[in-house]
Amino acid sequence: MNSLAARAATSQALSEPASADRRALIQAVRSVDTAGLFGADKELTFVRDFATQTTVARIIDKETGDVVAQVPPEDILQMAEEVNGS
């Protein structure tokens, strides 16, 4: 499988001690990407927003790299950053 999300998750997992939860998450992301639940040209990724320390789920267009959808949305992350920063 050539999923960017799976490769990133696997790479991160190899650099940190493995846990059952992390392995389960990696497998779940691979399953979603393999099944094409978001379309053959999209993939599910997870990133960490450093400003808010929040995990962000994104659906990425594989061809362009554009973010198609994100949870939580960028405006919510910005509001959380402002609240935490003051």
PDB file of N, CA and C in Angstrom:
ATOM      1  N   MET A   1       0.846  -1.180   0.000  1.00  0.00           N
ATOM      2  CA  MET A   1       0.000   0.000   0.000  1.00  0.00           C
ATOM      3  C   MET A   1       0.888   1.239   0.000  1.00  0.00           C
ATOM      4  N   ASN A   2       0.535   2.259  -0.776  1.00  0.00           N
ATOM      5  CA  ASN A   2       1.341   3.457  -0.902  1.00  0.00           C
ATOM      6  C   ASN A   2       0.704   4.651  -0.229  1.00  0.00           C
ATOM      7  N   SER A   3      -0.073   4.438   0.770  1.00  0.00           N
ATOM      8  CA  SER A   3      -0.792   5.521   1.425  1.00  0.00           C
ATOM      9  C   SER A   3       0.178   6.409   2.200  1.00  0.00           C
ATOM     10  N   LEU A   4       0.117   7.690   1.912  1.00  0.00           N
ATOM     11  CA  LEU A   4       0.938   8.655   2.629  1.00  0.00           C
ATOM     12  C   LEU A   4       0.625   8.630   4.119  1.00  0.00           C
ATOM     13  N   ALA A   5      -0.637   8.525   4.461  1.00  0.00           N
ATOM     14  CA  ALA A   5      -1.033   8.500   5.865  1.00  0.00           C
ATOM     15  C   ALA A   5      -0.474   7.281   6.581  1.00  0.00           C
ATOM     16  N   ALA A   6      -0.576   6.155   5.954  1.00  0.00           N
ATOM     17  CA  ALA A   6      -0.075   4.928   6.568  1.00  0.00           C
ATOM     18  C   ALA A   6       1.438   4.987   6.714  1.00  0.00           C
ATOM     19  N   ARG A   7       2.119   5.517   5.694  1.00  0.00           N
ATOM     20  CA  ARG A   7       3.578   5.628   5.784  1.00  0.00           C
ATOM     21  C   ARG A   7       3.980   6.578   6.896  1.00  0.00           C
ATOM     22  N   ALA A   8       3.296   7.713   7.015  1.00  0.00           N
ATOM     23  CA  ALA A   8       3.616   8.677   8.062  1.00  0.00           C
ATOM     24  C   ALA A   8       3.340   8.093   9.430  1.00  0.00           C
ATOM     25  N   ALA A   9       2.216   7.443   9.586  1.00  0.00           N
ATOM     26  CA  ALA A   9       1.871   6.829  10.863  1.00  0.00           C
ATOM     27  C   ALA A   9       2.854   5.730  11.205  1.00  0.00           C
ATOM     28  N   THR A  10       3.237   4.934  10.217  1.00  0.00           N
ATOM     29  CA  THR A  10       4.184   3.853  10.449  1.00  0.00           C
ATOM     30  C   THR A  10       5.544   4.414  10.808  1.00  0.00           C
ATOM     31  N   SER A  11       5.965   5.443  10.108  1.00  0.00           N
ATOM     32  CA  SER A  11       7.256   6.071  10.394  1.00  0.00           C
ATOM     33  C   SER A  11       7.294   6.605  11.814  1.00  0.00           C
ATOM     34  N   GLN A  12       6.235   7.281  12.225  1.00  0.00           N
ATOM     35  CA  GLN A  12       6.175   7.818  13.574  1.00  0.00           C
ATOM     36  C   GLN A  12       6.152   6.685  14.590  1.00  0.00           C
ATOM     37  N   ALA A  13       5.432   5.632  14.295  1.00  0.00           N
ATOM     38  CA  ALA A  13       5.333   4.502  15.212  1.00  0.00           C
ATOM     39  C   ALA A  13       6.683   3.830  15.388  1.00  0.00           C
ATOM     40  N   LEU A  14       7.490   3.786  14.326  1.00  0.00           N
ATOM     41  CA  LEU A  14       8.799   3.166  14.429  1.00  0.00           C
ATOM     42  C   LEU A  14       9.767   4.002  15.254  1.00  0.00           C
ATOM     43  N   SER A  15       9.540   5.295  15.329  1.00  0.00           N
ATOM     44  CA  SER A  15      10.437   6.164  16.077  1.00  0.00           C
ATOM     45  C   SER A  15      10.038   6.283  17.541  1.00  0.00           C
ATOM     46  N   GLU A  16       8.889   5.732  17.918  1.00  0.00           N
ATOM     47  CA  GLU A  16       8.408   5.774  19.293  1.00  0.00           C
ATOM     48  C   GLU A  16       8.108   4.353  19.742  1.00  0.00           C
ATOM     49  N   PRO A  17       8.109   4.135  21.050  1.00  0.00           N
ATOM     50  CA  PRO A  17       7.750   2.793  21.522  1.00  0.00           C
ATOM     51  C   PRO A  17       6.359   2.410  21.019  1.00  0.00           C
ATOM     52  N   ALA A  18       6.249   1.188  20.502  1.00  0.00           N
ATOM     53  CA  ALA A  18       4.963   0.721  19.961  1.00  0.00           C
ATOM     54  C   ALA A  18       3.999   0.424  21.096  1.00  0.00           C
ATOM     55  N   SER A  19       2.753   0.739  20.873  1.00  0.00           N
ATOM     56  CA  SER A  19       1.708   0.400  21.825  1.00  0.00           C
ATOM     57  C   SER A  19       0.576  -0.255  21.053  1.00  0.00           C
ATOM     58  N   ALA A  20      -0.240  -1.007  21.759  1.00  0.00           N
ATOM     59  CA  ALA A  20      -1.371  -1.664  21.107  1.00  0.00           C
ATOM     60  C   ALA A  20      -2.307  -0.631  20.495  1.00  0.00           C
ATOM     61  N   ASP A  21      -2.537   0.488  21.179  1.00  0.00           N
ATOM     62  CA  ASP A  21      -3.420   1.534  20.655  1.00  0.00           C
ATOM     63  C   ASP A  21      -2.858   2.150  19.381  1.00  0.00           C
ATOM     64  N   ARG A  22      -1.578   2.407  19.356  1.00  0.00           N
ATOM     65  CA  ARG A  22      -0.949   3.017  18.173  1.00  0.00           C
ATOM     66  C   ARG A  22      -1.029   2.052  16.994  1.00  0.00           C
ATOM     67  N   ARG A  23      -0.738   0.791  17.235  1.00  0.00           N
ATOM     68  CA  ARG A  23      -0.824  -0.198  16.159  1.00  0.00           C
ATOM     69  C   ARG A  23      -2.250  -0.315  15.635  1.00  0.00           C
ATOM     70  N   ALA A  24      -3.214  -0.262  16.538  1.00  0.00           N
ATOM     71  CA  ALA A  24      -4.620  -0.330  16.128  1.00  0.00           C
ATOM     72  C   ALA A  24      -4.994   0.880  15.275  1.00  0.00           C
ATOM     73  N   LEU A  25      -4.513   2.061  15.650  1.00  0.00           N
ATOM     74  CA  LEU A  25      -4.795   3.272  14.877  1.00  0.00           C
ATOM     75  C   LEU A  25      -4.172   3.183  13.486  1.00  0.00           C
ATOM     76  N   ILE A  26      -2.942   2.736  13.412  1.00  0.00           N
ATOM     77  CA  ILE A  26      -2.274   2.597  12.115  1.00  0.00           C
ATOM     78  C   ILE A  26      -3.048   1.630  11.234  1.00  0.00           C
ATOM     79  N   GLN A  27      -3.471   0.509  11.806  1.00  0.00           N
ATOM     80  CA  GLN A  27      -4.236  -0.466  11.033  1.00  0.00           C
ATOM     81  C   GLN A  27      -5.579   0.111  10.574  1.00  0.00           C
ATOM     82  N   ALA A  28      -6.225   0.891  11.429  1.00  0.00           N
ATOM     83  CA  ALA A  28      -7.506   1.504  11.069  1.00  0.00           C
ATOM     84  C   ALA A  28      -7.339   2.486   9.916  1.00  0.00           C
ATOM     85  N   VAL A  29      -6.288   3.297   9.965  1.00  0.00           N
ATOM     86  CA  VAL A  29      -6.026   4.263   8.884  1.00  0.00           C
ATOM     87  C   VAL A  29      -5.755   3.514   7.584  1.00  0.00           C
ATOM     88  N   ARG A  30      -4.964   2.459   7.654  1.00  0.00           N
ATOM     89  CA  ARG A  30      -4.687   1.659   6.449  1.00  0.00           C
ATOM     90  C   ARG A  30      -5.970   1.066   5.882  1.00  0.00           C
ATOM     91  N   SER A  31      -6.827   0.568   6.764  1.00  0.00           N
ATOM     92  CA  SER A  31      -8.086  -0.035   6.316  1.00  0.00           C
ATOM     93  C   SER A  31      -8.980   0.981   5.622  1.00  0.00           C
ATOM     94  N   VAL A  32      -9.081   2.177   6.200  1.00  0.00           N
ATOM     95  CA  VAL A  32      -9.903   3.232   5.597  1.00  0.00           C
ATOM     96  C   VAL A  32      -9.344   3.625   4.233  1.00  0.00           C
ATOM     97  N   ASP A  33      -8.031   3.798   4.152  1.00  0.00           N
ATOM     98  CA  ASP A  33      -7.428   4.190   2.876  1.00  0.00           C
ATOM     99  C   ASP A  33      -7.566   3.089   1.833  1.00  0.00           C
ATOM    100  N   THR A  34      -7.363   1.840   2.235  1.00  0.00           N
ATOM    101  CA  THR A  34      -7.475   0.722   1.303  1.00  0.00           C
ATOM    102  C   THR A  34      -8.895   0.575   0.785  1.00  0.00           C
ATOM    103  N   ALA A  35      -9.871   0.776   1.658  1.00  0.00           N
ATOM    104  CA  ALA A  35     -11.279   0.639   1.267  1.00  0.00           C
ATOM    105  C   ALA A  35     -11.727   1.783   0.370  1.00  0.00           C
ATOM    106  N   GLY A  36     -10.980   2.868   0.336  1.00  0.00           N
ATOM    107  CA  GLY A  36     -11.348   4.005  -0.504  1.00  0.00           C
ATOM    108  C   GLY A  36     -12.620   4.691  -0.034  1.00  0.00           C
ATOM    109  N   LEU A  37     -12.831   4.722   1.272  1.00  0.00           N
ATOM    110  CA  LEU A  37     -14.062   5.300   1.805  1.00  0.00           C
ATOM    111  C   LEU A  37     -14.227   6.775   1.459  1.00  0.00           C
ATOM    112  N   PHE A  38     -13.140   7.456   1.220  1.00  0.00           N
ATOM    113  CA  PHE A  38     -13.211   8.873   0.876  1.00  0.00           C
ATOM    114  C   PHE A  38     -12.944   9.098  -0.604  1.00  0.00           C
ATOM    115  N   GLY A  39     -12.875   8.018  -1.362  1.00  0.00           N
ATOM    116  CA  GLY A  39     -12.587   8.083  -2.788  1.00  0.00           C
ATOM    117  C   GLY A  39     -11.176   7.599  -3.055  1.00  0.00           C
ATOM    118  N   ALA A  40     -10.949   7.125  -4.248  1.00  0.00           N
ATOM    119  CA  ALA A  40      -9.648   6.574  -4.610  1.00  0.00           C
ATOM    120  C   ALA A  40      -8.556   7.638  -4.622  1.00  0.00           C
ATOM    121  N   ASP A  41      -8.941   8.889  -4.799  1.00  0.00           N
ATOM    122  CA  ASP A  41      -7.964   9.964  -4.900  1.00  0.00           C
ATOM    123  C   ASP A  41      -7.793  10.744  -3.604  1.00  0.00           C
ATOM    124  N   LYS A  42      -8.315  10.209  -2.497  1.00  0.00           N
ATOM    125  CA  LYS A  42      -8.210  10.900  -1.213  1.00  0.00           C
ATOM    126  C   LYS A  42      -7.706   9.943  -0.149  1.00  0.00           C
ATOM    127  N   GLU A  43      -7.113  10.502   0.908  1.00  0.00           N
ATOM    128  CA  GLU A  43      -6.639   9.667   2.003  1.00  0.00           C
ATOM    129  C   GLU A  43      -6.843  10.368   3.341  1.00  0.00           C
ATOM    130  N   LEU A  44      -6.956   9.567   4.369  1.00  0.00           N
ATOM    131  CA  LEU A  44      -7.133  10.052   5.721  1.00  0.00           C
ATOM    132  C   LEU A  44      -5.773  10.199   6.378  1.00  0.00           C
ATOM    133  N   THR A  45      -5.528  11.359   6.991  1.00  0.00           N
ATOM    134  CA  THR A  45      -4.283  11.574   7.718  1.00  0.00           C
ATOM    135  C   THR A  45      -4.596  12.158   9.089  1.00  0.00           C
ATOM    136  N   PHE A  46      -3.658  12.005   9.989  1.00  0.00           N
ATOM    137  CA  PHE A  46      -3.748  12.615  11.306  1.00  0.00           C
ATOM    138  C   PHE A  46      -2.491  13.426  11.530  1.00  0.00           C
ATOM    139  N   VAL A  47      -2.673  14.638  12.022  1.00  0.00           N
ATOM    140  CA  VAL A  47      -1.539  15.505  12.342  1.00  0.00           C
ATOM    141  C   VAL A  47      -1.767  16.093  13.720  1.00  0.00           C
ATOM    142  N   ARG A  48      -0.708  16.603  14.308  1.00  0.00           N
ATOM    143  CA  ARG A  48      -0.791  17.237  15.616  1.00  0.00           C
ATOM    144  C   ARG A  48      -0.644  18.734  15.420  1.00  0.00           C
ATOM    145  N   ASP A  49      -1.644  19.500  15.887  1.00  0.00           N
ATOM    146  CA  ASP A  49      -1.555  20.956  15.863  1.00  0.00           C
ATOM    147  C   ASP A  49      -0.729  21.354  17.073  1.00  0.00           C
ATOM    148  N   PHE A  50       0.464  21.865  16.848  1.00  0.00           N
ATOM    149  CA  PHE A  50       1.383  22.142  17.948  1.00  0.00           C
ATOM    150  C   PHE A  50       0.913  23.282  18.838  1.00  0.00           C
ATOM    151  N   ALA A  51       0.240  24.265  18.268  1.00  0.00           N
ATOM    152  CA  ALA A  51      -0.220  25.413  19.057  1.00  0.00           C
ATOM    153  C   ALA A  51      -1.254  25.018  20.100  1.00  0.00           C
ATOM    154  N   THR A  52      -2.153  24.096  19.727  1.00  0.00           N
ATOM    155  CA  THR A  52      -3.228  23.704  20.641  1.00  0.00           C
ATOM    156  C   THR A  52      -3.036  22.302  21.223  1.00  0.00           C
ATOM    157  N   GLN A  53      -2.011  21.597  20.731  1.00  0.00           N
ATOM    158  CA  GLN A  53      -1.767  20.209  21.151  1.00  0.00           C
ATOM    159  C   GLN A  53      -2.977  19.321  20.890  1.00  0.00           C
ATOM    160  N   THR A  54      -3.644  19.560  19.760  1.00  0.00           N
ATOM    161  CA  THR A  54      -4.834  18.831  19.371  1.00  0.00           C
ATOM    162  C   THR A  54      -4.516  17.932  18.181  1.00  0.00           C
ATOM    163  N   THR A  55      -5.052  16.722  18.196  1.00  0.00           N
ATOM    164  CA  THR A  55      -4.939  15.844  17.045  1.00  0.00           C
ATOM    165  C   THR A  55      -5.993  16.261  16.023  1.00  0.00           C
ATOM    166  N   VAL A  56      -5.556  16.408  14.785  1.00  0.00           N
ATOM    167  CA  VAL A  56      -6.422  16.873  13.711  1.00  0.00           C
ATOM    168  C   VAL A  56      -6.517  15.775  12.646  1.00  0.00           C
ATOM    169  N   ALA A  57      -7.746  15.423  12.286  1.00  0.00           N
ATOM    170  CA  ALA A  57      -7.981  14.460  11.207  1.00  0.00           C
ATOM    171  C   ALA A  57      -8.223  15.239   9.927  1.00  0.00           C
ATOM    172  N   ARG A  58      -7.551  14.832   8.868  1.00  0.00           N
ATOM    173  CA  ARG A  58      -7.701  15.512   7.586  1.00  0.00           C
ATOM    174  C   ARG A  58      -7.948  14.506   6.469  1.00  0.00           C
ATOM    175  N   ILE A  59      -8.741  14.914   5.517  1.00  0.00           N
ATOM    176  CA  ILE A  59      -8.892  14.162   4.275  1.00  0.00           C
ATOM    177  C   ILE A  59      -8.130  14.959   3.224  1.00  0.00           C
ATOM    178  N   ILE A  60      -7.138  14.322   2.620  1.00  0.00           N
ATOM    179  CA  ILE A  60      -6.214  14.979   1.701  1.00  0.00           C
ATOM    180  C   ILE A  60      -6.421  14.447   0.286  1.00  0.00           C
ATOM    181  N   ASP A  61      -6.426  15.353  -0.702  1.00  0.00           N
ATOM    182  CA  ASP A  61      -6.438  14.962  -2.102  1.00  0.00           C
ATOM    183  C   ASP A  61      -5.035  14.461  -2.438  1.00  0.00           C
ATOM    184  N   LYS A  62      -4.912  13.206  -2.833  1.00  0.00           N
ATOM    185  CA  LYS A  62      -3.607  12.598  -3.099  1.00  0.00           C
ATOM    186  C   LYS A  62      -2.855  13.277  -4.240  1.00  0.00           C
ATOM    187  N   GLU A  63      -3.573  13.775  -5.228  1.00  0.00           N
ATOM    188  CA  GLU A  63      -2.927  14.369  -6.398  1.00  0.00           C
ATOM    189  C   GLU A  63      -2.407  15.773  -6.129  1.00  0.00           C
ATOM    190  N   THR A  64      -3.195  16.589  -5.427  1.00  0.00           N
ATOM    191  CA  THR A  64      -2.820  17.990  -5.216  1.00  0.00           C
ATOM    192  C   THR A  64      -2.228  18.251  -3.837  1.00  0.00           C
ATOM    193  N   GLY A  65      -2.520  17.376  -2.874  1.00  0.00           N
ATOM    194  CA  GLY A  65      -2.077  17.602  -1.509  1.00  0.00           C
ATOM    195  C   GLY A  65      -2.971  18.568  -0.747  1.00  0.00           C
ATOM    196  N   ASP A  66      -4.051  19.013  -1.389  1.00  0.00           N
ATOM    197  CA  ASP A  66      -4.975  19.953  -0.745  1.00  0.00           C
ATOM    198  C   ASP A  66      -5.780  19.263   0.350  1.00  0.00           C
ATOM    199  N   VAL A  67      -6.083  20.017   1.411  1.00  0.00           N
ATOM    200  CA  VAL A  67      -6.955  19.519   2.470  1.00  0.00           C
ATOM    201  C   VAL A  67      -8.389  19.668   1.993  1.00  0.00           C
ATOM    202  N   VAL A  68      -9.106  18.546   1.893  1.00  0.00           N
ATOM    203  CA  VAL A  68     -10.491  18.543   1.439  1.00  0.00           C
ATOM    204  C   VAL A  68     -11.428  18.785   2.619  1.00  0.00           C
ATOM    205  N   ALA A  69     -11.109  18.177   3.757  1.00  0.00           N
ATOM    206  CA  ALA A  69     -11.907  18.336   4.976  1.00  0.00           C
ATOM    207  C   ALA A  69     -10.988  18.167   6.169  1.00  0.00           C
ATOM    208  N   GLN A  70     -11.372  18.793   7.285  1.00  0.00           N
ATOM    209  CA  GLN A  70     -10.550  18.735   8.493  1.00  0.00           C
ATOM    210  C   GLN A  70     -11.435  18.798   9.719  1.00  0.00           C
ATOM    211  N   VAL A  71     -11.087  17.983  10.738  1.00  0.00           N
ATOM    212  CA  VAL A  71     -11.792  17.997  12.019  1.00  0.00           C
ATOM    213  C   VAL A  71     -10.752  18.019  13.124  1.00  0.00           C
ATOM    214  N   PRO A  72     -10.767  18.990  14.019  1.00  0.00           N
ATOM    215  CA  PRO A  72     -11.609  20.176  14.017  1.00  0.00           C
ATOM    216  C   PRO A  72     -11.167  21.161  12.926  1.00  0.00           C
ATOM    217  N   PRO A  73     -12.108  21.992  12.481  1.00  0.00           N
ATOM    218  CA  PRO A  73     -11.792  22.959  11.424  1.00  0.00           C
ATOM    219  C   PRO A  73     -10.733  23.973  11.877  1.00  0.00           C
ATOM    220  N   GLU A  74     -10.074  24.567  10.900  1.00  0.00           N
ATOM    221  CA  GLU A  74      -8.998  25.523  11.170  1.00  0.00           C
ATOM    222  C   GLU A  74      -9.467  26.692  12.038  1.00  0.00           C
ATOM    223  N   ASP A  75     -10.672  27.206  11.807  1.00  0.00           N
ATOM    224  CA  ASP A  75     -11.139  28.351  12.600  1.00  0.00           C
ATOM    225  C   ASP A  75     -11.314  27.974  14.074  1.00  0.00           C
ATOM    226  N   ILE A  76     -11.711  26.751  14.352  1.00  0.00           N
ATOM    227  CA  ILE A  76     -11.842  26.300  15.739  1.00  0.00           C
ATOM    228  C   ILE A  76     -10.467  26.188  16.385  1.00  0.00           C
ATOM    229  N   LEU A  77      -9.485  25.691  15.641  1.00  0.00           N
ATOM    230  CA  LEU A  77      -8.121  25.615  16.168  1.00  0.00           C
ATOM    231  C   LEU A  77      -7.573  27.012  16.477  1.00  0.00           C
ATOM    232  N   GLN A  78      -7.873  27.967  15.603  1.00  0.00           N
ATOM    233  CA  GLN A  78      -7.413  29.340  15.831  1.00  0.00           C
ATOM    234  C   GLN A  78      -8.070  29.940  17.070  1.00  0.00           C
ATOM    235  N   MET A  79      -9.373  29.688  17.261  1.00  0.00           N
ATOM    236  CA  MET A  79     -10.053  30.196  18.458  1.00  0.00           C
ATOM    237  C   MET A  79      -9.457  29.560  19.721  1.00  0.00           C
ATOM    238  N   ALA A  80      -9.187  28.278  19.668  1.00  0.00           N
ATOM    239  CA  ALA A  80      -8.601  27.595  20.822  1.00  0.00           C
ATOM    240  C   ALA A  80      -7.218  28.145  21.142  1.00  0.00           C
ATOM    241  N   GLU A  81      -6.445  28.448  20.111  1.00  0.00           N
ATOM    242  CA  GLU A  81      -5.132  29.040  20.312  1.00  0.00           C
ATOM    243  C   GLU A  81      -5.223  30.417  20.955  1.00  0.00           C
ATOM    244  N   GLU A  82      -6.181  31.214  20.494  1.00  0.00           N
ATOM    245  CA  GLU A  82      -6.378  32.544  21.080  1.00  0.00           C
ATOM    246  C   GLU A  82      -6.793  32.457  22.538  1.00  0.00           C
ATOM    247  N   VAL A  83      -7.691  31.536  22.851  1.00  0.00           N
ATOM    248  CA  VAL A  83      -8.162  31.373  24.233  1.00  0.00           C
ATOM    249  C   VAL A  83      -7.017  30.906  25.127  1.00  0.00           C
ATOM    250  N   ASN A  84      -6.243  29.942  24.651  1.00  0.00           N
ATOM    251  CA  ASN A  84      -5.131  29.424  25.441  1.00  0.00           C
ATOM    252  C   ASN A  84      -3.963  30.396  25.540  1.00  0.00           C
ATOM    253  N   GLY A  85      -3.852  31.275  24.555  1.00  0.00           N
ATOM    254  CA  GLY A  85      -2.740  32.227  24.532  1.00  0.00           C
ATOM    255  C   GLY A  85      -2.954  33.433  25.415  1.00  0.00           C
ATOM    256  N   SER A  86      -4.193  33.672  25.861  1.00  0.00           N
ATOM    257  CA  SER A  86      -4.446  34.867  26.664  1.00  0.00           C
ATOM    258  C   SER A  86      -4.551  34.555  28.130  1.00  0.00           C
TER     259      SER A  86
END
